[in-house]
PDB file of N, CA and C in Angstrom:
ATOM      1  N   MET A   1       0.768  -1.134   0.009  1.00  0.00           N
ATOM      2  CA  MET A   1       0.012  -0.133  -0.102  1.00  0.00           C
ATOM      3  C   MET A   1       0.891   1.271  -0.051  1.00  0.00           C
ATOM      4  N   PRO A   2       0.609   2.245  -0.873  1.00  0.00           N
ATOM      5  CA  PRO A   2       1.479   3.461  -0.901  1.00  0.00           C
ATOM      6  C   PRO A   2       1.303   4.295   0.313  1.00  0.00           C
ATOM      7  N   ASP A   3       2.379   4.990   0.624  1.00  0.00           N
ATOM      8  CA  ASP A   3       2.373   6.039   1.708  1.00  0.00           C
ATOM      9  C   ASP A   3       1.371   7.100   1.483  1.00  0.00           C
ATOM     10  N   PRO A   4       0.380   7.217   2.579  1.00  0.00           N
ATOM     11  CA  PRO A   4      -0.564   8.193   2.410  1.00  0.00           C
ATOM     12  C   PRO A   4      -0.126   9.755   2.399  1.00  0.00           C
ATOM     13  N   GLU A   5       1.028   9.966   2.893  1.00  0.00           N
ATOM     14  CA  GLU A   5       1.492  11.277   3.037  1.00  0.00           C
ATOM     15  C   GLU A   5       2.514  11.684   1.928  1.00  0.00           C
ATOM     16  N   PRO A   6       2.371  12.701   1.188  1.00  0.00           N
ATOM     17  CA  PRO A   6       3.407  13.050   0.152  1.00  0.00           C
ATOM     18  C   PRO A   6       4.802  13.283   0.690  1.00  0.00           C
ATOM     19  N   VAL A   7       5.674  12.774  -0.077  1.00  0.00           N
ATOM     20  CA  VAL A   7       7.157  12.941   0.158  1.00  0.00           C
ATOM     21  C   VAL A   7       7.749  13.784  -0.673  1.00  0.00           C
ATOM     22  N   ILE A   8       8.527  14.763  -0.084  1.00  0.00           N
ATOM     23  CA  ILE A   8       9.538  15.682  -0.846  1.00  0.00           C
ATOM     24  C   ILE A   8      10.801  15.139  -0.987  1.00  0.00           C
ATOM     25  N   ARG A   9      11.392  14.712  -1.962  1.00  0.00           N
ATOM     26  CA  ARG A   9      12.565  13.875  -1.957  1.00  0.00           C
ATOM     27  C   ARG A   9      13.780  14.778  -2.261  1.00  0.00           C
ATOM     28  N   HIS A  10      13.692  16.058  -2.869  1.00  0.00           N
ATOM     29  CA  HIS A  10      14.751  16.813  -3.164  1.00  0.00           C
ATOM     30  C   HIS A  10      14.319  18.165  -3.423  1.00  0.00           C
ATOM     31  N   PRO A  11      15.147  19.233  -3.224  1.00  0.00           N
ATOM     32  CA  PRO A  11      14.679  20.597  -3.516  1.00  0.00           C
ATOM     33  C   PRO A  11      14.321  20.853  -4.805  1.00  0.00           C
ATOM     34  N   SER A  12      13.404  21.696  -5.197  1.00  0.00           N
ATOM     35  CA  SER A  12      13.107  22.046  -6.610  1.00  0.00           C
ATOM     36  C   SER A  12      12.908  23.557  -6.737  1.00  0.00           C
ATOM     37  N   ARG A  13      13.137  24.017  -8.011  1.00  0.00           N
ATOM     38  CA  ARG A  13      12.913  25.423  -8.067  1.00  0.00           C
ATOM     39  C   ARG A  13      11.589  25.795  -7.874  1.00  0.00           C
ATOM     40  N   TYR A  14      10.440  25.058  -8.071  1.00  0.00           N
ATOM     41  CA  TYR A  14       9.182  25.208  -7.900  1.00  0.00           C
ATOM     42  C   TYR A  14       8.546  24.121  -7.112  1.00  0.00           C
ATOM     43  N   VAL A  15       7.844  24.367  -6.015  1.00  0.00           N
ATOM     44  CA  VAL A  15       7.122  23.237  -5.292  1.00  0.00           C
ATOM     45  C   VAL A  15       5.666  23.827  -5.293  1.00  0.00           C
ATOM     46  N   PRO A  16       4.731  22.966  -5.815  1.00  0.00           N
ATOM     47  CA  PRO A  16       3.261  23.499  -5.604  1.00  0.00           C
ATOM     48  C   PRO A  16       2.946  23.312  -4.197  1.00  0.00           C
ATOM     49  N   LEU A  17       1.995  24.296  -3.937  1.00  0.00           N
ATOM     50  CA  LEU A  17       1.578  24.473  -2.459  1.00  0.00           C
ATOM     51  C   LEU A  17       1.027  23.217  -1.894  1.00  0.00           C
ATOM     52  N   THR A  18       0.451  22.330  -2.729  1.00  0.00           N
ATOM     53  CA  THR A  18      -0.148  21.141  -2.153  1.00  0.00           C
ATOM     54  C   THR A  18       1.175  20.200  -1.784  1.00  0.00           C
ATOM     55  N   ALA A  19       2.297  20.311  -2.244  1.00  0.00           N
ATOM     56  CA  ALA A  19       3.322  19.427  -1.853  1.00  0.00           C
ATOM     57  C   ALA A  19       3.932  20.063  -0.611  1.00  0.00           C
ATOM     58  N   LEU A  20       3.666  21.043  -0.064  1.00  0.00           N
ATOM     59  CA  LEU A  20       4.365  21.529   1.191  1.00  0.00           C
ATOM     60  C   LEU A  20       3.523  20.938   2.304  1.00  0.00           C
ATOM     61  N   ALA A  21       4.237  20.600   3.499  1.00  0.00           N
ATOM     62  CA  ALA A  21       3.620  19.990   4.682  1.00  0.00           C
ATOM     63  C   ALA A  21       4.120  20.744   5.662  1.00  0.00           C
ATOM     64  N   THR A  22       3.358  20.880   6.836  1.00  0.00           N
ATOM     65  CA  THR A  22       3.891  21.314   8.121  1.00  0.00           C
ATOM     66  C   THR A  22       3.532  20.322   9.205  1.00  0.00           C
ATOM     67  N   GLY A  23       4.292  20.606  10.260  1.00  0.00           N
ATOM     68  CA  GLY A  23       4.195  19.696  11.359  1.00  0.00           C
ATOM     69  C   GLY A  23       5.403  19.740  12.376  1.00  0.00           C
ATOM     70  N   VAL A  24       5.444  18.759  13.245  1.00  0.00           N
ATOM     71  CA  VAL A  24       6.482  18.670  14.206  1.00  0.00           C
ATOM     72  C   VAL A  24       7.363  17.818  13.765  1.00  0.00           C
ATOM     73  N   GLU A  25       8.725  17.948  13.837  1.00  0.00           N
ATOM     74  CA  GLU A  25       9.740  17.084  13.463  1.00  0.00           C
ATOM     75  C   GLU A  25       9.502  15.596  14.049  1.00  0.00           C
ATOM     76  N   GLY A  26       9.627  14.576  13.309  1.00  0.00           N
ATOM     77  CA  GLY A  26       9.360  13.281  13.856  1.00  0.00           C
ATOM     78  C   GLY A  26       8.117  12.785  13.967  1.00  0.00           C
ATOM     79  N   GLU A  27       7.077  13.764  13.539  1.00  0.00           N
ATOM     80  CA  GLU A  27       5.661  13.387  13.664  1.00  0.00           C
ATOM     81  C   GLU A  27       5.169  13.422  12.162  1.00  0.00           C
ATOM     82  N   ILE A  28       4.049  12.803  11.847  1.00  0.00           N
ATOM     83  CA  ILE A  28       3.549  12.773  10.595  1.00  0.00           C
ATOM     84  C   ILE A  28       3.144  14.194  10.060  1.00  0.00           C
ATOM     85  N   ALA A  29       3.522  14.537   8.895  1.00  0.00           N
ATOM     86  CA  ALA A  29       3.442  15.810   8.351  1.00  0.00           C
ATOM     87  C   ALA A  29       1.953  16.016   7.983  1.00  0.00           C
ATOM     88  N   HIS A  30       1.637  17.294   8.171  1.00  0.00           N
ATOM     89  CA  HIS A  30       0.025  17.770   7.674  1.00  0.00           C
ATOM     90  C   HIS A  30       0.159  18.480   6.445  1.00  0.00           C
ATOM     91  N   PRO A  31      -0.560  18.024   5.321  1.00  0.00           N
ATOM     92  CA  PRO A  31      -0.533  18.885   4.115  1.00  0.00           C
ATOM     93  C   PRO A  31      -1.080  20.208   4.468  1.00  0.00           C
ATOM     94  N   VAL A  32      -0.839  21.125   3.482  1.00  0.00           N
ATOM     95  CA  VAL A  32      -1.263  22.555   3.556  1.00  0.00           C
ATOM     96  C   VAL A  32      -2.696  22.476   3.055  1.00  0.00           C
ATOM     97  N   THR A  33      -3.755  22.865   3.795  1.00  0.00           N
ATOM     98  CA  THR A  33      -5.009  22.907   3.336  1.00  0.00           C
ATOM     99  C   THR A  33      -5.721  24.082   4.073  1.00  0.00           C
ATOM    100  N   PRO A  34      -6.940  24.383   3.699  1.00  0.00           N
ATOM    101  CA  PRO A  34      -7.578  25.513   4.258  1.00  0.00           C
ATOM    102  C   PRO A  34      -7.700  25.459   5.794  1.00  0.00           C
ATOM    103  N   ASP A  35      -7.613  24.097   6.387  1.00  0.00           N
ATOM    104  CA  ASP A  35      -7.862  24.053   7.758  1.00  0.00           C
ATOM    105  C   ASP A  35      -6.302  24.057   8.436  1.00  0.00           C
ATOM    106  N   ASN A  36      -5.296  23.891   7.548  1.00  0.00           N
ATOM    107  CA  ASN A  36      -3.908  23.817   8.081  1.00  0.00           C
ATOM    108  C   ASN A  36      -3.174  24.817   7.056  1.00  0.00           C
ATOM    109  N   PRO A  37      -3.476  26.242   7.200  1.00  0.00           N
ATOM    110  CA  PRO A  37      -2.727  27.097   6.264  1.00  0.00           C
ATOM    111  C   PRO A  37      -1.181  27.115   6.396  1.00  0.00           C
ATOM    112  N   MET A  38      -0.594  27.593   5.345  1.00  0.00           N
ATOM    113  CA  MET A  38       0.728  27.695   5.482  1.00  0.00           C
ATOM    114  C   MET A  38       1.228  28.769   6.488  1.00  0.00           C
ATOM    115  N   PRO A  39       2.133  28.344   7.394  1.00  0.00           N
ATOM    116  CA  PRO A  39       2.614  29.429   8.479  1.00  0.00           C
ATOM    117  C   PRO A  39       3.197  30.574   7.751  1.00  0.00           C
ATOM    118  N   ASN A  40       2.902  31.849   8.160  1.00  0.00           N
ATOM    119  CA  ASN A  40       3.322  33.009   7.511  1.00  0.00           C
ATOM    120  C   ASN A  40       3.500  34.015   8.707  1.00  0.00           C
ATOM    121  N   ALA A  41       4.737  34.628   8.708  1.00  0.00           N
ATOM    122  CA  ALA A  41       5.081  35.736   9.515  1.00  0.00           C
ATOM    123  C   ALA A  41       4.333  37.037   9.241  1.00  0.00           C
ATOM    124  N   GLU A  42       3.901  37.137   8.032  1.00  0.00           N
ATOM    125  CA  GLU A  42       3.213  38.297   7.598  1.00  0.00           C
ATOM    126  C   GLU A  42       1.727  38.266   7.750  1.00  0.00           C
ATOM    127  N   GLN A  43       1.097  38.519   8.829  1.00  0.00           N
ATOM    128  CA  GLN A  43      -0.288  38.355   9.099  1.00  0.00           C
ATOM    129  C   GLN A  43      -1.042  39.438   8.513  1.00  0.00           C
ATOM    130  N   PRO A  44      -2.294  39.413   8.293  1.00  0.00           N
ATOM    131  CA  PRO A  44      -3.065  40.589   7.698  1.00  0.00           C
ATOM    132  C   PRO A  44      -2.984  41.641   8.709  1.00  0.00           C
ATOM    133  N   TYR A  45      -3.185  42.853   8.024  1.00  0.00           N
ATOM    134  CA  TYR A  45      -3.367  44.168   9.077  1.00  0.00           C
ATOM    135  C   TYR A  45      -4.747  44.165   9.336  1.00  0.00           C
ATOM    136  N   ARG A  46      -4.994  44.503  10.748  1.00  0.00           N
ATOM    137  CA  ARG A  46      -6.235  44.325  11.335  1.00  0.00           C
ATOM    138  C   ARG A  46      -6.697  45.764  11.776  1.00  0.00           C
ATOM    139  N   GLY A  47      -5.994  46.822  11.763  1.00  0.00           N
ATOM    140  CA  GLY A  47      -6.334  48.128  12.056  1.00  0.00           C
ATOM    141  C   GLY A  47      -5.560  49.110  11.436  1.00  0.00           C
ATOM    142  N   VAL A  48      -6.013  50.371  11.475  1.00  0.00           N
ATOM    143  CA  VAL A  48      -5.330  51.612  10.867  1.00  0.00           C
ATOM    144  C   VAL A  48      -5.679  52.678  11.762  1.00  0.00           C
ATOM    145  N   ARG A  49      -4.564  53.483  11.841  1.00  0.00           N
ATOM    146  CA  ARG A  49      -4.505  54.679  12.790  1.00  0.00           C
ATOM    147  C   ARG A  49      -3.928  55.875  11.929  1.00  0.00           C
ATOM    148  N   PRO A  50      -4.498  57.040  12.049  1.00  0.00           N
ATOM    149  CA  PRO A  50      -3.797  58.166  11.394  1.00  0.00           C
ATOM    150  C   PRO A  50      -2.567  58.622  12.111  1.00  0.00           C
ATOM    151  N   LEU A  51      -1.528  58.992  11.131  1.00  0.00           N
ATOM    152  CA  LEU A  51      -0.273  59.262  11.699  1.00  0.00           C
ATOM    153  C   LEU A  51      -0.163  60.885  11.263  1.00  0.00           C
ATOM    154  N   LEU A  52      -0.209  61.811  12.174  1.00  0.00           N
ATOM    155  CA  LEU A  52      -0.235  63.108  11.972  1.00  0.00           C
ATOM    156  C   LEU A  52       1.163  63.705  12.396  1.00  0.00           C
ATOM    157  N   PRO A  53       1.632  64.752  11.693  1.00  0.00           N
ATOM    158  CA  PRO A  53       2.956  65.221  11.977  1.00  0.00           C
ATOM    159  C   PRO A  53       2.979  65.762  13.475  1.00  0.00           C
ATOM    160  N   ASP A  54       4.231  65.343  13.984  1.00  0.00           N
ATOM    161  CA  ASP A  54       4.546  65.883  15.331  1.00  0.00           C
ATOM    162  C   ASP A  54       3.708  65.518  16.506  1.00  0.00           C
ATOM    163  N   MET A  55       2.893  64.419  16.119  1.00  0.00           N
ATOM    164  CA  MET A  55       2.042  63.805  17.221  1.00  0.00           C
ATOM    165  C   MET A  55       2.339  62.324  17.486  1.00  0.00           C
ATOM    166  N   PRO A  56       3.318  61.999  18.472  1.00  0.00           N
ATOM    167  CA  PRO A  56       3.723  60.613  18.471  1.00  0.00           C
ATOM    168  C   PRO A  56       2.476  59.764  18.961  1.00  0.00           C
ATOM    169  N   ILE A  57       2.540  58.427  18.406  1.00  0.00           N
ATOM    170  CA  ILE A  57       1.551  57.465  18.701  1.00  0.00           C
ATOM    171  C   ILE A  57       2.350  56.132  18.743  1.00  0.00           C
ATOM    172  N   ALA A  58       1.639  55.108  19.333  1.00  0.00           N
ATOM    173  CA  ALA A  58       2.337  53.820  19.420  1.00  0.00           C
ATOM    174  C   ALA A  58       2.558  53.306  18.076  1.00  0.00           C
ATOM    175  N   PRO A  59       3.768  52.791  17.917  1.00  0.00           N
ATOM    176  CA  PRO A  59       4.023  52.276  16.541  1.00  0.00           C
ATOM    177  C   PRO A  59       3.279  51.076  16.168  1.00  0.00           C
ATOM    178  N   GLY A  60       3.070  50.741  14.757  1.00  0.00           N
ATOM    179  CA  GLY A  60       2.378  49.688  14.296  1.00  0.00           C
ATOM    180  C   GLY A  60       3.328  48.839  13.572  1.00  0.00           C
ATOM    181  N   LYS A  61       2.635  47.984  12.681  1.00  0.00           N
ATOM    182  CA  LYS A  61       3.673  46.984  11.862  1.00  0.00           C
ATOM    183  C   LYS A  61       4.146  47.621  10.569  1.00  0.00           C
ATOM    184  N   ALA A  62       3.330  48.577  10.173  1.00  0.00           N
ATOM    185  CA  ALA A  62       3.818  49.142   8.858  1.00  0.00           C
ATOM    186  C   ALA A  62       3.170  50.768   8.760  1.00  0.00           C
ATOM    187  N   LEU A  63       3.706  51.376   7.734  1.00  0.00           N
ATOM    188  CA  LEU A  63       3.222  52.606   7.486  1.00  0.00           C
ATOM    189  C   LEU A  63       2.623  52.797   6.091  1.00  0.00           C
ATOM    190  N   LEU A  64       1.519  53.352   5.956  1.00  0.00           N
ATOM    191  CA  LEU A  64       0.917  53.491   4.763  1.00  0.00           C
ATOM    192  C   LEU A  64       0.875  54.950   4.404  1.00  0.00           C
ATOM    193  N   ALA A  65       1.282  55.365   3.249  1.00  0.00           N
ATOM    194  CA  ALA A  65       1.457  56.753   2.938  1.00  0.00           C
ATOM    195  C   ALA A  65       0.914  57.119   1.614  1.00  0.00           C
ATOM    196  N   ASP A  66       0.096  58.141   1.466  1.00  0.00           N
ATOM    197  CA  ASP A  66      -0.546  58.518   0.246  1.00  0.00           C
ATOM    198  C   ASP A  66       0.080  59.972  -0.057  1.00  0.00           C
ATOM    199  N   VAL A  67       1.088  59.980  -0.897  1.00  0.00           N
ATOM    200  CA  VAL A  67       1.909  60.931  -1.013  1.00  0.00           C
ATOM    201  C   VAL A  67       1.271  61.888  -2.283  1.00  0.00           C
ATOM    202  N   ILE A  68       1.010  63.091  -1.893  1.00  0.00           N
ATOM    203  CA  ILE A  68       0.577  63.995  -2.957  1.00  0.00           C
ATOM    204  C   ILE A  68       1.470  64.727  -3.667  1.00  0.00           C
ATOM    205  N   THR A  69       2.532  65.308  -2.990  1.00  0.00           N
ATOM    206  CA  THR A  69       3.552  65.902  -3.485  1.00  0.00           C
ATOM    207  C   THR A  69       5.022  65.266  -3.021  1.00  0.00           C
ATOM    208  N   GLY A  70       5.641  64.828  -3.897  1.00  0.00           N
ATOM    209  CA  GLY A  70       6.886  63.983  -3.527  1.00  0.00           C
ATOM    210  C   GLY A  70       7.943  64.963  -2.881  1.00  0.00           C
ATOM    211  N   GLY A  71       8.665  64.332  -1.967  1.00  0.00           N
ATOM    212  CA  GLY A  71       9.667  65.018  -1.305  1.00  0.00           C
ATOM    213  C   GLY A  71      10.272  64.112  -0.165  1.00  0.00           C
ATOM    214  N   LEU A  72      11.026  64.751   0.750  1.00  0.00           N
ATOM    215  CA  LEU A  72      11.663  64.031   1.927  1.00  0.00           C
ATOM    216  C   LEU A  72      10.579  63.814   2.930  1.00  0.00           C
ATOM    217  N   VAL A  73      10.607  62.757   3.644  1.00  0.00           N
ATOM    218  CA  VAL A  73       9.656  62.461   4.721  1.00  0.00           C
ATOM    219  C   VAL A  73      10.702  62.002   5.803  1.00  0.00           C
ATOM    220  N   GLU A  74      10.482  62.582   6.974  1.00  0.00           N
ATOM    221  CA  GLU A  74      11.318  62.212   8.096  1.00  0.00           C
ATOM    222  C   GLU A  74      10.475  61.697   9.133  1.00  0.00           C
ATOM    223  N   MET A  75      10.729  60.505   9.722  1.00  0.00           N
ATOM    224  CA  MET A  75       9.992  59.831  10.569  1.00  0.00           C
ATOM    225  C   MET A  75      10.830  59.161  11.720  1.00  0.00           C
ATOM    226  N   GLU A  76      10.271  59.050  12.889  1.00  0.00           N
ATOM    227  CA  GLU A  76      10.763  58.472  14.033  1.00  0.00           C
ATOM    228  C   GLU A  76      10.276  56.995  14.152  1.00  0.00           C
ATOM    229  N   LEU A  77      11.102  56.070  14.240  1.00  0.00           N
ATOM    230  CA  LEU A  77      10.703  54.691  14.438  1.00  0.00           C
ATOM    231  C   LEU A  77      10.555  54.239  15.921  1.00  0.00           C
ATOM    232  N   ALA A  78      10.182  53.046  16.051  1.00  0.00           N
ATOM    233  CA  ALA A  78       9.764  52.538  17.362  1.00  0.00           C
ATOM    234  C   ALA A  78      10.947  52.615  18.310  1.00  0.00           C
ATOM    235  N   ASN A  79      12.176  52.554  18.020  1.00  0.00           N
ATOM    236  CA  ASN A  79      13.277  52.584  18.895  1.00  0.00           C
ATOM    237  C   ASN A  79      13.837  53.929  19.142  1.00  0.00           C
ATOM    238  N   GLY A  80      13.131  54.943  18.573  1.00  0.00           N
ATOM    239  CA  GLY A  80      13.692  56.470  18.756  1.00  0.00           C
ATOM    240  C   GLY A  80      14.557  56.781  17.554  1.00  0.00           C
ATOM    241  N   SER A  81      14.984  55.913  16.853  1.00  0.00           N
ATOM    242  CA  SER A  81      15.930  56.293  15.813  1.00  0.00           C
ATOM    243  C   SER A  81      15.077  57.158  14.664  1.00  0.00           C
ATOM    244  N   MET A  82      15.803  58.035  13.988  1.00  0.00           N
ATOM    245  CA  MET A  82      15.247  58.828  12.833  1.00  0.00           C
ATOM    246  C   MET A  82      15.534  58.280  11.479  1.00  0.00           C
ATOM    247  N   LEU A  83      14.606  58.504  10.514  1.00  0.00           N
ATOM    248  CA  LEU A  83      14.838  57.937   9.201  1.00  0.00           C
ATOM    249  C   LEU A  83      14.454  58.966   8.271  1.00  0.00           C
ATOM    250  N   ALA A  84      15.101  59.454   7.425  1.00  0.00           N
ATOM    251  CA  ALA A  84      14.607  60.521   6.368  1.00  0.00           C
ATOM    252  C   ALA A  84      14.651  59.730   4.980  1.00  0.00           C
ATOM    253  N   ILE A  85      13.573  59.513   4.206  1.00  0.00           N
ATOM    254  CA  ILE A  85      13.680  58.900   2.943  1.00  0.00           C
ATOM    255  C   ILE A  85      12.768  59.983   1.949  1.00  0.00           C
ATOM    256  N   THR A  86      13.059  59.863   0.676  1.00  0.00           N
ATOM    257  CA  THR A  86      12.412  60.307  -0.393  1.00  0.00           C
ATOM    258  C   THR A  86      11.301  59.543  -0.970  1.00  0.00           C
ATOM    259  N   LEU A  87       9.973  60.143  -0.928  1.00  0.00           N
ATOM    260  CA  LEU A  87       8.804  59.439  -1.519  1.00  0.00           C
ATOM    261  C   LEU A  87       8.275  60.200  -2.740  1.00  0.00           C
ATOM    262  N   HIS A  88       7.803  59.450  -3.679  1.00  0.00           N
ATOM    263  CA  HIS A  88       7.227  59.921  -4.772  1.00  0.00           C
ATOM    264  C   HIS A  88       5.808  59.798  -4.705  1.00  0.00           C
ATOM    265  N   PRO A  89       5.085  60.854  -5.602  1.00  0.00           N
ATOM    266  CA  PRO A  89       3.500  60.760  -5.394  1.00  0.00           C
ATOM    267  C   PRO A  89       3.067  59.265  -5.607  1.00  0.00           C
ATOM    268  N   GLY A  90       1.924  59.088  -5.013  1.00  0.00           N
ATOM    269  CA  GLY A  90       1.392  57.700  -5.057  1.00  0.00           C
ATOM    270  C   GLY A  90       1.124  57.050  -3.711  1.00  0.00           C
ATOM    271  N   LEU A  91       0.634  55.951  -3.677  1.00  0.00           N
ATOM    272  CA  LEU A  91       0.426  55.196  -2.491  1.00  0.00           C
ATOM    273  C   LEU A  91       1.519  54.235  -2.128  1.00  0.00           C
ATOM    274  N   THR A  92       2.091  54.419  -0.993  1.00  0.00           N
ATOM    275  CA  THR A  92       3.242  53.484  -0.721  1.00  0.00           C
ATOM    276  C   THR A  92       3.131  52.848   0.713  1.00  0.00           C
ATOM    277  N   MET A  93       3.386  51.535   0.738  1.00  0.00           N
ATOM    278  CA  MET A  93       3.393  50.870   2.145  1.00  0.00           C
ATOM    279  C   MET A  93       4.808  50.565   2.496  1.00  0.00           C
ATOM    280  N   LEU A  94       5.214  50.893   3.688  1.00  0.00           N
ATOM    281  CA  LEU A  94       6.654  50.603   4.141  1.00  0.00           C
ATOM    282  C   LEU A  94       6.502  49.716   5.361  1.00  0.00           C
ATOM    283  N   PRO A  95       7.500  48.697   5.432  1.00  0.00           N
ATOM    284  CA  PRO A  95       7.368  47.856   6.747  1.00  0.00           C
ATOM    285  C   PRO A  95       8.076  48.434   7.859  1.00  0.00           C
ATOM    286  N   PHE A  96       7.796  49.632   8.257  1.00  0.00           N
ATOM    287  CA  PHE A  96       8.268  50.528   9.333  1.00  0.00           C
ATOM    288  C   PHE A  96       7.519  50.624  10.555  1.00  0.00           C
ATOM    289  N   ALA A  97       7.993  50.403  11.725  1.00  0.00           N
ATOM    290  CA  ALA A  97       7.146  50.576  12.943  1.00  0.00           C
ATOM    291  C   ALA A  97       7.397  52.025  13.224  1.00  0.00           C
ATOM    292  N   THR A  98       6.575  52.948  12.612  1.00  0.00           N
ATOM    293  CA  THR A  98       6.755  54.317  12.720  1.00  0.00           C
ATOM    294  C   THR A  98       5.945  54.767  14.023  1.00  0.00           C
ATOM    295  N   SER A  99       6.456  55.804  14.788  1.00  0.00           N
ATOM    296  CA  SER A  99       5.941  56.397  15.902  1.00  0.00           C
ATOM    297  C   SER A  99       5.557  57.748  15.755  1.00  0.00           C
ATOM    298  N   GLN A 100       6.142  58.429  14.613  1.00  0.00           N
ATOM    299  CA  GLN A 100       6.080  59.942  14.457  1.00  0.00           C
ATOM    300  C   GLN A 100       6.430  60.354  13.139  1.00  0.00           C
ATOM    301  N   LEU A 101       5.816  61.291  12.440  1.00  0.00           N
ATOM    302  CA  LEU A 101       6.288  61.970  11.344  1.00  0.00           C
ATOM    303  C   LEU A 101       6.792  63.216  11.872  1.00  0.00           C
ATOM    304  N   VAL A 102       7.897  63.682  11.484  1.00  0.00           N
ATOM    305  CA  VAL A 102       8.684  64.940  11.926  1.00  0.00           C
ATOM    306  C   VAL A 102       8.428  66.079  10.739  1.00  0.00           C
ATOM    307  N   SER A 103       7.668  66.955  11.163  1.00  0.00           N
ATOM    308  CA  SER A 103       7.352  68.051  10.163  1.00  0.00           C
ATOM    309  C   SER A 103       8.616  68.783   9.706  1.00  0.00           C
ATOM    310  N   ALA A 104       9.514  69.014  10.818  1.00  0.00           N
ATOM    311  CA  ALA A 104      10.710  69.891  10.619  1.00  0.00           C
ATOM    312  C   ALA A 104      11.604  69.442   9.412  1.00  0.00           C
ATOM    313  N   GLY A 105      11.645  68.115   9.130  1.00  0.00           N
ATOM    314  CA  GLY A 105      12.540  67.518   8.058  1.00  0.00           C
ATOM    315  C   GLY A 105      11.616  67.125   6.838  1.00  0.00           C
ATOM    316  N   THR A 106      10.286  67.161   6.929  1.00  0.00           N
ATOM    317  CA  THR A 106       9.502  66.676   5.823  1.00  0.00           C
ATOM    318  C   THR A 106       9.190  67.718   4.910  1.00  0.00           C
ATOM    319  N   THR A 107       9.559  67.575   3.506  1.00  0.00           N
ATOM    320  CA  THR A 107       9.181  68.558   2.488  1.00  0.00           C
ATOM    321  C   THR A 107       7.991  67.891   1.596  1.00  0.00           C
ATOM    322  N   ALA A 108       7.708  66.594   1.848  1.00  0.00           N
ATOM    323  CA  ALA A 108       6.514  66.087   0.958  1.00  0.00           C
ATOM    324  C   ALA A 108       5.154  66.296   1.680  1.00  0.00           C
ATOM    325  N   THR A 109       4.131  66.322   0.782  1.00  0.00           N
ATOM    326  CA  THR A 109       2.837  66.494   1.236  1.00  0.00           C
ATOM    327  C   THR A 109       2.247  65.130   1.257  1.00  0.00           C
ATOM    328  N   LEU A 110       1.766  64.672   2.354  1.00  0.00           N
ATOM    329  CA  LEU A 110       1.087  63.353   2.363  1.00  0.00           C
ATOM    330  C   LEU A 110       0.046  63.097   3.570  1.00  0.00           C
ATOM    331  N   ASP A 111      -0.772  62.037   3.259  1.00  0.00           N
ATOM    332  CA  ASP A 111      -1.505  61.504   4.405  1.00  0.00           C
ATOM    333  C   ASP A 111      -0.815  60.125   4.782  1.00  0.00           C
ATOM    334  N   ALA A 112      -0.810  59.856   6.098  1.00  0.00           N
ATOM    335  CA  ALA A 112      -0.078  58.649   6.565  1.00  0.00           C
ATOM    336  C   ALA A 112      -0.994  58.030   7.710  1.00  0.00           C
ATOM    337  N   TRP A 113      -0.814  56.667   7.617  1.00  0.00           N
ATOM    338  CA  TRP A 113      -1.546  55.922   8.507  1.00  0.00           C
ATOM    339  C   TRP A 113      -0.654  54.828   9.148  1.00  0.00           C
ATOM    340  N   VAL A 114      -0.714  54.301  10.229  1.00  0.00           N
ATOM    341  CA  VAL A 114      -0.020  53.267  10.996  1.00  0.00           C
ATOM    342  C   VAL A 114      -1.029  52.101  10.787  1.00  0.00           C
ATOM    343  N   LEU A 115      -0.288  50.944  10.373  1.00  0.00           N
ATOM    344  CA  LEU A 115      -1.107  49.748  10.276  1.00  0.00           C
ATOM    345  C   LEU A 115      -0.920  48.961  11.320  1.00  0.00           C
ATOM    346  N   ASP A 116      -1.905  48.246  11.958  1.00  0.00           N
ATOM    347  CA  ASP A 116      -1.671  47.236  13.094  1.00  0.00           C
ATOM    348  C   ASP A 116      -2.030  45.908  12.594  1.00  0.00           C
TER     349      ASP A 116
END
């Protein structure tokens, strides 16, 4: 009788999702199904809060910026470090735990939100 669990014998450049399996080492692997989804460190965002210039807030998982006029955006990150980057017009999502936009160093016009 054939083995009921699929076996991956060697690495491949492409592995179909149904061939992946999760579980505990030494135990039977469980195939990826809707009941056993692939583990993923990037979970969906569940909330959004406005990020206004010079008004510190608790940092979230990411920063969403709708840039109207491109330019420099200076922000404070969760550990207190400062980051200044140039953003172009359009919608941008950055994986930064941002706690504050700093108006003194910002030349871009934008609306921003912290994603939780």
